[in-house]
Amino acid sequence: MGESITTNIYMVRHSESPFIHGDERTRKLSKDGELDAEKVAKLMLREKIDEIVSSHFARSIQTIEAIATTRNLD
């Protein structure tokens, strides 16, 4: 019988970001959000990650940036 392949998908919601009406695409993380994003990146260090997909919103990209950087992923 063949080898089984497991695919894990991790869904991470963007970290805290202050609401600014009309600034949905460009608003960035709050200071607390930046700290939370760092915590998530540390937690994910033990996981094998081959690909990262994110929305184009600034706060979403900021949230996964450290994960992508440590793995040399776009």
PDB file of N, CA and C in Angstrom:
ATOM      1  N   MET A   1       0.840  -1.173   0.000  1.00  0.00           N
ATOM      2  CA  MET A   1       0.000   0.000   0.000  1.00  0.00           C
ATOM      3  C   MET A   1       0.892   1.246   0.000  1.00  0.00           C
ATOM      4  N   GLY A   2       0.449   2.323  -0.624  1.00  0.00           N
ATOM      5  CA  GLY A   2       1.234   3.541  -0.758  1.00  0.00           C
ATOM      6  C   GLY A   2       1.347   4.338   0.541  1.00  0.00           C
ATOM      7  N   GLU A   3       2.277   5.235   0.540  1.00  0.00           N
ATOM      8  CA  GLU A   3       2.511   6.108   1.698  1.00  0.00           C
ATOM      9  C   GLU A   3       1.413   7.169   1.767  1.00  0.00           C
ATOM     10  N   SER A   4       0.884   7.389   2.945  1.00  0.00           N
ATOM     11  CA  SER A   4      -0.150   8.423   3.075  1.00  0.00           C
ATOM     12  C   SER A   4       0.515   9.790   3.260  1.00  0.00           C
ATOM     13  N   ILE A   5      -0.119  10.781   2.718  1.00  0.00           N
ATOM     14  CA  ILE A   5       0.381  12.156   2.804  1.00  0.00           C
ATOM     15  C   ILE A   5      -0.626  12.971   3.614  1.00  0.00           C
ATOM     16  N   THR A   6      -0.116  13.700   4.572  1.00  0.00           N
ATOM     17  CA  THR A   6      -0.965  14.546   5.397  1.00  0.00           C
ATOM     18  C   THR A   6      -0.683  16.006   5.074  1.00  0.00           C
ATOM     19  N   THR A   7      -1.724  16.760   4.878  1.00  0.00           N
ATOM     20  CA  THR A   7      -1.602  18.199   4.664  1.00  0.00           C
ATOM     21  C   THR A   7      -2.297  18.901   5.813  1.00  0.00           C
ATOM     22  N   ASN A   8      -1.580  19.767   6.492  1.00  0.00           N
ATOM     23  CA  ASN A   8      -2.159  20.575   7.564  1.00  0.00           C
ATOM     24  C   ASN A   8      -2.345  21.990   7.059  1.00  0.00           C
ATOM     25  N   ILE A   9      -3.488  22.552   7.356  1.00  0.00           N
ATOM     26  CA  ILE A   9      -3.776  23.933   6.990  1.00  0.00           C
ATOM     27  C   ILE A   9      -4.000  24.711   8.276  1.00  0.00           C
ATOM     28  N   TYR A  10      -3.214  25.745   8.472  1.00  0.00           N
ATOM     29  CA  TYR A  10      -3.331  26.602   9.651  1.00  0.00           C
ATOM     30  C   TYR A  10      -3.959  27.911   9.208  1.00  0.00           C
ATOM     31  N   MET A  11      -5.043  28.285   9.844  1.00  0.00           N
ATOM     32  CA  MET A  11      -5.692  29.549   9.524  1.00  0.00           C
ATOM     33  C   MET A  11      -5.422  30.510  10.670  1.00  0.00           C
ATOM     34  N   VAL A  12      -4.837  31.635  10.327  1.00  0.00           N
ATOM     35  CA  VAL A  12      -4.477  32.646  11.323  1.00  0.00           C
ATOM     36  C   VAL A  12      -5.212  33.921  10.969  1.00  0.00           C
ATOM     37  N   ARG A  13      -6.002  34.395  11.887  1.00  0.00           N
ATOM     38  CA  ARG A  13      -6.699  35.673  11.678  1.00  0.00           C
ATOM     39  C   ARG A  13      -5.704  36.791  11.977  1.00  0.00           C
ATOM     40  N   HIS A  14      -5.835  37.887  11.280  1.00  0.00           N
ATOM     41  CA  HIS A  14      -4.921  39.000  11.527  1.00  0.00           C
ATOM     42  C   HIS A  14      -4.972  39.416  12.991  1.00  0.00           C
ATOM     43  N   SER A  15      -3.859  39.914  13.474  1.00  0.00           N
ATOM     44  CA  SER A  15      -3.779  40.398  14.856  1.00  0.00           C
ATOM     45  C   SER A  15      -4.532  41.713  14.994  1.00  0.00           C
ATOM     46  N   GLU A  16      -4.575  42.218  16.218  1.00  0.00           N
ATOM     47  CA  GLU A  16      -5.345  43.433  16.514  1.00  0.00           C
ATOM     48  C   GLU A  16      -4.918  44.613  15.640  1.00  0.00           C
ATOM     49  N   SER A  17      -5.913  45.299  15.148  1.00  0.00           N
ATOM     50  CA  SER A  17      -5.700  46.460  14.288  1.00  0.00           C
ATOM     51  C   SER A  17      -6.765  47.493  14.622  1.00  0.00           C
ATOM     52  N   PRO A  18      -6.377  48.739  14.862  1.00  0.00           N
ATOM     53  CA  PRO A  18      -7.381  49.755  15.196  1.00  0.00           C
ATOM     54  C   PRO A  18      -8.286  50.044  14.000  1.00  0.00           C
ATOM     55  N   PHE A  19      -9.603  50.106  14.247  1.00  0.00           N
ATOM     56  CA  PHE A  19     -10.545  50.373  13.165  1.00  0.00           C
ATOM     57  C   PHE A  19     -10.449  51.830  12.745  1.00  0.00           C
ATOM     58  N   ILE A  20     -10.275  52.028  11.457  1.00  0.00           N
ATOM     59  CA  ILE A  20     -10.277  53.373  10.870  1.00  0.00           C
ATOM     60  C   ILE A  20     -11.187  53.299   9.653  1.00  0.00           C
ATOM     61  N   HIS A  21     -12.355  53.938   9.721  1.00  0.00           N
ATOM     62  CA  HIS A  21     -13.325  53.879   8.627  1.00  0.00           C
ATOM     63  C   HIS A  21     -12.691  54.321   7.311  1.00  0.00           C
ATOM     64  N   GLY A  22     -12.869  53.503   6.275  1.00  0.00           N
ATOM     65  CA  GLY A  22     -12.366  53.840   4.952  1.00  0.00           C
ATOM     66  C   GLY A  22     -10.906  53.464   4.740  1.00  0.00           C
ATOM     67  N   ASP A  23     -10.286  52.875   5.738  1.00  0.00           N
ATOM     68  CA  ASP A  23      -8.860  52.546   5.651  1.00  0.00           C
ATOM     69  C   ASP A  23      -8.655  51.033   5.768  1.00  0.00           C
ATOM     70  N   GLU A  24      -9.583  50.258   5.238  1.00  0.00           N
ATOM     71  CA  GLU A  24      -9.558  48.804   5.400  1.00  0.00           C
ATOM     72  C   GLU A  24      -8.303  48.157   4.834  1.00  0.00           C
ATOM     73  N   ARG A  25      -7.865  48.563   3.679  1.00  0.00           N
ATOM     74  CA  ARG A  25      -6.748  47.886   3.014  1.00  0.00           C
ATOM     75  C   ARG A  25      -5.378  48.254   3.575  1.00  0.00           C
ATOM     76  N   THR A  26      -5.244  49.438   4.110  1.00  0.00           N
ATOM     77  CA  THR A  26      -3.905  49.908   4.490  1.00  0.00           C
ATOM     78  C   THR A  26      -3.669  50.020   5.989  1.00  0.00           C
ATOM     79  N   ARG A  27      -4.699  49.827   6.805  1.00  0.00           N
ATOM     80  CA  ARG A  27      -4.469  49.998   8.236  1.00  0.00           C
ATOM     81  C   ARG A  27      -3.571  48.881   8.761  1.00  0.00           C
ATOM     82  N   LYS A  28      -2.694  49.260   9.649  1.00  0.00           N
ATOM     83  CA  LYS A  28      -1.680  48.337  10.159  1.00  0.00           C
ATOM     84  C   LYS A  28      -2.074  47.811  11.531  1.00  0.00           C
ATOM     85  N   LEU A  29      -1.229  46.941  12.059  1.00  0.00           N
ATOM     86  CA  LEU A  29      -1.460  46.375  13.383  1.00  0.00           C
ATOM     87  C   LEU A  29      -1.209  47.404  14.472  1.00  0.00           C
ATOM     88  N   SER A  30      -1.908  47.232  15.579  1.00  0.00           N
ATOM     89  CA  SER A  30      -1.619  48.031  16.770  1.00  0.00           C
ATOM     90  C   SER A  30      -0.350  47.471  17.405  1.00  0.00           C
ATOM     91  N   LYS A  31       0.164  48.125  18.428  1.00  0.00           N
ATOM     92  CA  LYS A  31       1.349  47.609  19.145  1.00  0.00           C
ATOM     93  C   LYS A  31       1.050  46.230  19.732  1.00  0.00           C
ATOM     94  N   ASP A  32      -0.142  46.049  20.322  1.00  0.00           N
ATOM     95  CA  ASP A  32      -0.530  44.736  20.845  1.00  0.00           C
ATOM     96  C   ASP A  32      -0.615  43.710  19.711  1.00  0.00           C
ATOM     97  N   GLY A  33      -1.126  44.133  18.576  1.00  0.00           N
ATOM     98  CA  GLY A  33      -1.208  43.245  17.415  1.00  0.00           C
ATOM     99  C   GLY A  33       0.156  42.798  16.943  1.00  0.00           C
ATOM    100  N   GLU A  34       1.131  43.705  16.961  1.00  0.00           N
ATOM    101  CA  GLU A  34       2.502  43.354  16.577  1.00  0.00           C
ATOM    102  C   GLU A  34       3.084  42.315  17.531  1.00  0.00           C
ATOM    103  N   LEU A  35       2.829  42.487  18.826  1.00  0.00           N
ATOM    104  CA  LEU A  35       3.307  41.514  19.815  1.00  0.00           C
ATOM    105  C   LEU A  35       2.641  40.157  19.615  1.00  0.00           C
ATOM    106  N   ASP A  36       1.346  40.169  19.336  1.00  0.00           N
ATOM    107  CA  ASP A  36       0.637  38.917  19.090  1.00  0.00           C
ATOM    108  C   ASP A  36       1.156  38.215  17.835  1.00  0.00           C
ATOM    109  N   ALA A  37       1.448  38.974  16.800  1.00  0.00           N
ATOM    110  CA  ALA A  37       1.991  38.392  15.565  1.00  0.00           C
ATOM    111  C   ALA A  37       3.337  37.720  15.836  1.00  0.00           C
ATOM    112  N   GLU A  38       4.155  38.325  16.693  1.00  0.00           N
ATOM    113  CA  GLU A  38       5.438  37.719  17.072  1.00  0.00           C
ATOM    114  C   GLU A  38       5.209  36.398  17.815  1.00  0.00           C
ATOM    115  N   LYS A  39       4.212  36.360  18.691  1.00  0.00           N
ATOM    116  CA  LYS A  39       3.899  35.134  19.432  1.00  0.00           C
ATOM    117  C   LYS A  39       3.468  34.020  18.475  1.00  0.00           C
ATOM    118  N   VAL A  40       2.641  34.371  17.505  1.00  0.00           N
ATOM    119  CA  VAL A  40       2.186  33.381  16.532  1.00  0.00           C
ATOM    120  C   VAL A  40       3.378  32.843  15.733  1.00  0.00           C
ATOM    121  N   ALA A  41       4.268  33.735  15.325  1.00  0.00           N
ATOM    122  CA  ALA A  41       5.447  33.315  14.565  1.00  0.00           C
ATOM    123  C   ALA A  41       6.293  32.334  15.377  1.00  0.00           C
ATOM    124  N   LYS A  42       6.463  32.591  16.666  1.00  0.00           N
ATOM    125  CA  LYS A  42       7.235  31.684  17.529  1.00  0.00           C
ATOM    126  C   LYS A  42       6.541  30.328  17.657  1.00  0.00           C
ATOM    127  N   LEU A  43       5.222  30.333  17.807  1.00  0.00           N
ATOM    128  CA  LEU A  43       4.475  29.079  17.893  1.00  0.00           C
ATOM    129  C   LEU A  43       4.609  28.251  16.612  1.00  0.00           C
ATOM    130  N   MET A  44       4.663  28.930  15.488  1.00  0.00           N
ATOM    131  CA  MET A  44       4.701  28.235  14.210  1.00  0.00           C
ATOM    132  C   MET A  44       6.101  27.745  13.834  1.00  0.00           C
ATOM    133  N   LEU A  45       7.113  28.108  14.593  1.00  0.00           N
ATOM    134  CA  LEU A  45       8.470  27.662  14.295  1.00  0.00           C
ATOM    135  C   LEU A  45       8.585  26.145  14.275  1.00  0.00           C
ATOM    136  N   ARG A  46       7.822  25.474  15.100  1.00  0.00           N
ATOM    137  CA  ARG A  46       7.912  24.011  15.184  1.00  0.00           C
ATOM    138  C   ARG A  46       7.128  23.298  14.082  1.00  0.00           C
ATOM    139  N   GLU A  47       6.393  24.044  13.272  1.00  0.00           N
ATOM    140  CA  GLU A  47       5.580  23.455  12.205  1.00  0.00           C
ATOM    141  C   GLU A  47       6.314  23.537  10.865  1.00  0.00           C
ATOM    142  N   LYS A  48       6.086  22.541  10.030  1.00  0.00           N
ATOM    143  CA  LYS A  48       6.639  22.556   8.669  1.00  0.00           C
ATOM    144  C   LYS A  48       5.662  23.351   7.803  1.00  0.00           C
ATOM    145  N   ILE A  49       6.137  24.431   7.248  1.00  0.00           N
ATOM    146  CA  ILE A  49       5.294  25.289   6.424  1.00  0.00           C
ATOM    147  C   ILE A  49       5.946  25.448   5.065  1.00  0.00           C
ATOM    148  N   ASP A  50       5.217  25.065   4.024  1.00  0.00           N
ATOM    149  CA  ASP A  50       5.730  25.126   2.658  1.00  0.00           C
ATOM    150  C   ASP A  50       5.196  26.311   1.875  1.00  0.00           C
ATOM    151  N   GLU A  51       4.039  26.802   2.282  1.00  0.00           N
ATOM    152  CA  GLU A  51       3.408  27.885   1.527  1.00  0.00           C
ATOM    153  C   GLU A  51       2.563  28.742   2.453  1.00  0.00           C
ATOM    154  N   ILE A  52       2.509  30.023   2.157  1.00  0.00           N
ATOM    155  CA  ILE A  52       1.692  30.959   2.926  1.00  0.00           C
ATOM    156  C   ILE A  52       0.809  31.726   1.946  1.00  0.00           C
ATOM    157  N   VAL A  53      -0.456  31.846   2.309  1.00  0.00           N
ATOM    158  CA  VAL A  53      -1.414  32.600   1.498  1.00  0.00           C
ATOM    159  C   VAL A  53      -2.033  33.652   2.406  1.00  0.00           C
ATOM    160  N   SER A  54      -2.119  34.878   1.916  1.00  0.00           N
ATOM    161  CA  SER A  54      -2.663  35.962   2.721  1.00  0.00           C
ATOM    162  C   SER A  54      -3.478  36.899   1.844  1.00  0.00           C
ATOM    163  N   SER A  55      -4.408  37.593   2.483  1.00  0.00           N
ATOM    164  CA  SER A  55      -5.085  38.662   1.763  1.00  0.00           C
ATOM    165  C   SER A  55      -4.072  39.787   1.539  1.00  0.00           C
ATOM    166  N   HIS A  56      -4.426  40.747   0.751  1.00  0.00           N
ATOM    167  CA  HIS A  56      -3.529  41.857   0.448  1.00  0.00           C
ATOM    168  C   HIS A  56      -3.636  43.000   1.464  1.00  0.00           C
ATOM    169  N   PHE A  57      -4.468  42.834   2.476  1.00  0.00           N
ATOM    170  CA  PHE A  57      -4.608  43.873   3.497  1.00  0.00           C
ATOM    171  C   PHE A  57      -3.322  43.956   4.326  1.00  0.00           C
ATOM    172  N   ALA A  58      -2.892  45.154   4.636  1.00  0.00           N
ATOM    173  CA  ALA A  58      -1.633  45.381   5.352  1.00  0.00           C
ATOM    174  C   ALA A  58      -1.579  44.625   6.681  1.00  0.00           C
ATOM    175  N   ARG A  59      -2.656  44.627   7.442  1.00  0.00           N
ATOM    176  CA  ARG A  59      -2.642  43.976   8.760  1.00  0.00           C
ATOM    177  C   ARG A  59      -2.505  42.459   8.641  1.00  0.00           C
ATOM    178  N   SER A  60      -3.026  41.890   7.576  1.00  0.00           N
ATOM    179  CA  SER A  60      -2.895  40.450   7.351  1.00  0.00           C
ATOM    180  C   SER A  60      -1.457  40.091   6.987  1.00  0.00           C
ATOM    181  N   ILE A  61      -0.881  40.882   6.118  1.00  0.00           N
ATOM    182  CA  ILE A  61       0.512  40.648   5.714  1.00  0.00           C
ATOM    183  C   ILE A  61       1.442  40.805   6.912  1.00  0.00           C
ATOM    184  N   GLN A  62       1.229  41.852   7.710  1.00  0.00           N
ATOM    185  CA  GLN A  62       2.059  42.059   8.902  1.00  0.00           C
ATOM    186  C   GLN A  62       1.979  40.869   9.855  1.00  0.00           C
ATOM    187  N   THR A  63       0.806  40.266   9.970  1.00  0.00           N
ATOM    188  CA  THR A  63       0.604  39.166  10.905  1.00  0.00           C
ATOM    189  C   THR A  63       1.434  37.939  10.526  1.00  0.00           C
ATOM    190  N   ILE A  64       1.590  37.660   9.240  1.00  0.00           N
ATOM    191  CA  ILE A  64       2.310  36.453   8.824  1.00  0.00           C
ATOM    192  C   ILE A  64       3.730  36.732   8.314  1.00  0.00           C
ATOM    193  N   GLU A  65       4.120  37.986   8.309  1.00  0.00           N
ATOM    194  CA  GLU A  65       5.429  38.375   7.771  1.00  0.00           C
ATOM    195  C   GLU A  65       6.597  37.644   8.419  1.00  0.00           C
ATOM    196  N   ALA A  66       6.604  37.558   9.747  1.00  0.00           N
ATOM    197  CA  ALA A  66       7.719  36.901  10.432  1.00  0.00           C
ATOM    198  C   ALA A  66       7.764  35.402  10.124  1.00  0.00           C
ATOM    199  N   ILE A  67       6.595  34.788   9.982  1.00  0.00           N
ATOM    200  CA  ILE A  67       6.551  33.368   9.629  1.00  0.00           C
ATOM    201  C   ILE A  67       7.164  33.176   8.246  1.00  0.00           C
ATOM    202  N   ALA A  68       6.786  34.006   7.307  1.00  0.00           N
ATOM    203  CA  ALA A  68       7.307  33.899   5.942  1.00  0.00           C
ATOM    204  C   ALA A  68       8.804  34.189   5.899  1.00  0.00           C
ATOM    205  N   THR A  69       9.245  35.177   6.626  1.00  0.00           N
ATOM    206  CA  THR A  69      10.657  35.569   6.619  1.00  0.00           C
ATOM    207  C   THR A  69      11.552  34.465   7.149  1.00  0.00           C
ATOM    208  N   THR A  70      11.143  33.839   8.263  1.00  0.00           N
ATOM    209  CA  THR A  70      11.981  32.791   8.851  1.00  0.00           C
ATOM    210  C   THR A  70      12.092  31.561   7.948  1.00  0.00           C
ATOM    211  N   ARG A  71      11.153  31.421   7.020  1.00  0.00           N
ATOM    212  CA  ARG A  71      11.174  30.273   6.115  1.00  0.00           C
ATOM    213  C   ARG A  71      11.556  30.653   4.691  1.00  0.00           C
ATOM    214  N   ASN A  72      11.893  31.907   4.503  1.00  0.00           N
ATOM    215  CA  ASN A  72      12.291  32.396   3.180  1.00  0.00           C
ATOM    216  C   ASN A  72      11.177  32.190   2.152  1.00  0.00           C
ATOM    217  N   LEU A  73       9.936  32.490   2.553  1.00  0.00           N
ATOM    218  CA  LEU A  73       8.776  32.366   1.679  1.00  0.00           C
ATOM    219  C   LEU A  73       8.240  33.745   1.319  1.00  0.00           C
ATOM    220  N   ASP A  74       7.640  33.838   0.153  1.00  0.00           N
ATOM    221  CA  ASP A  74       6.993  35.097  -0.269  1.00  0.00           C
ATOM    222  C   ASP A  74       5.681  35.266   0.460  1.00  0.00           C
TER     223      ASP A  74
END
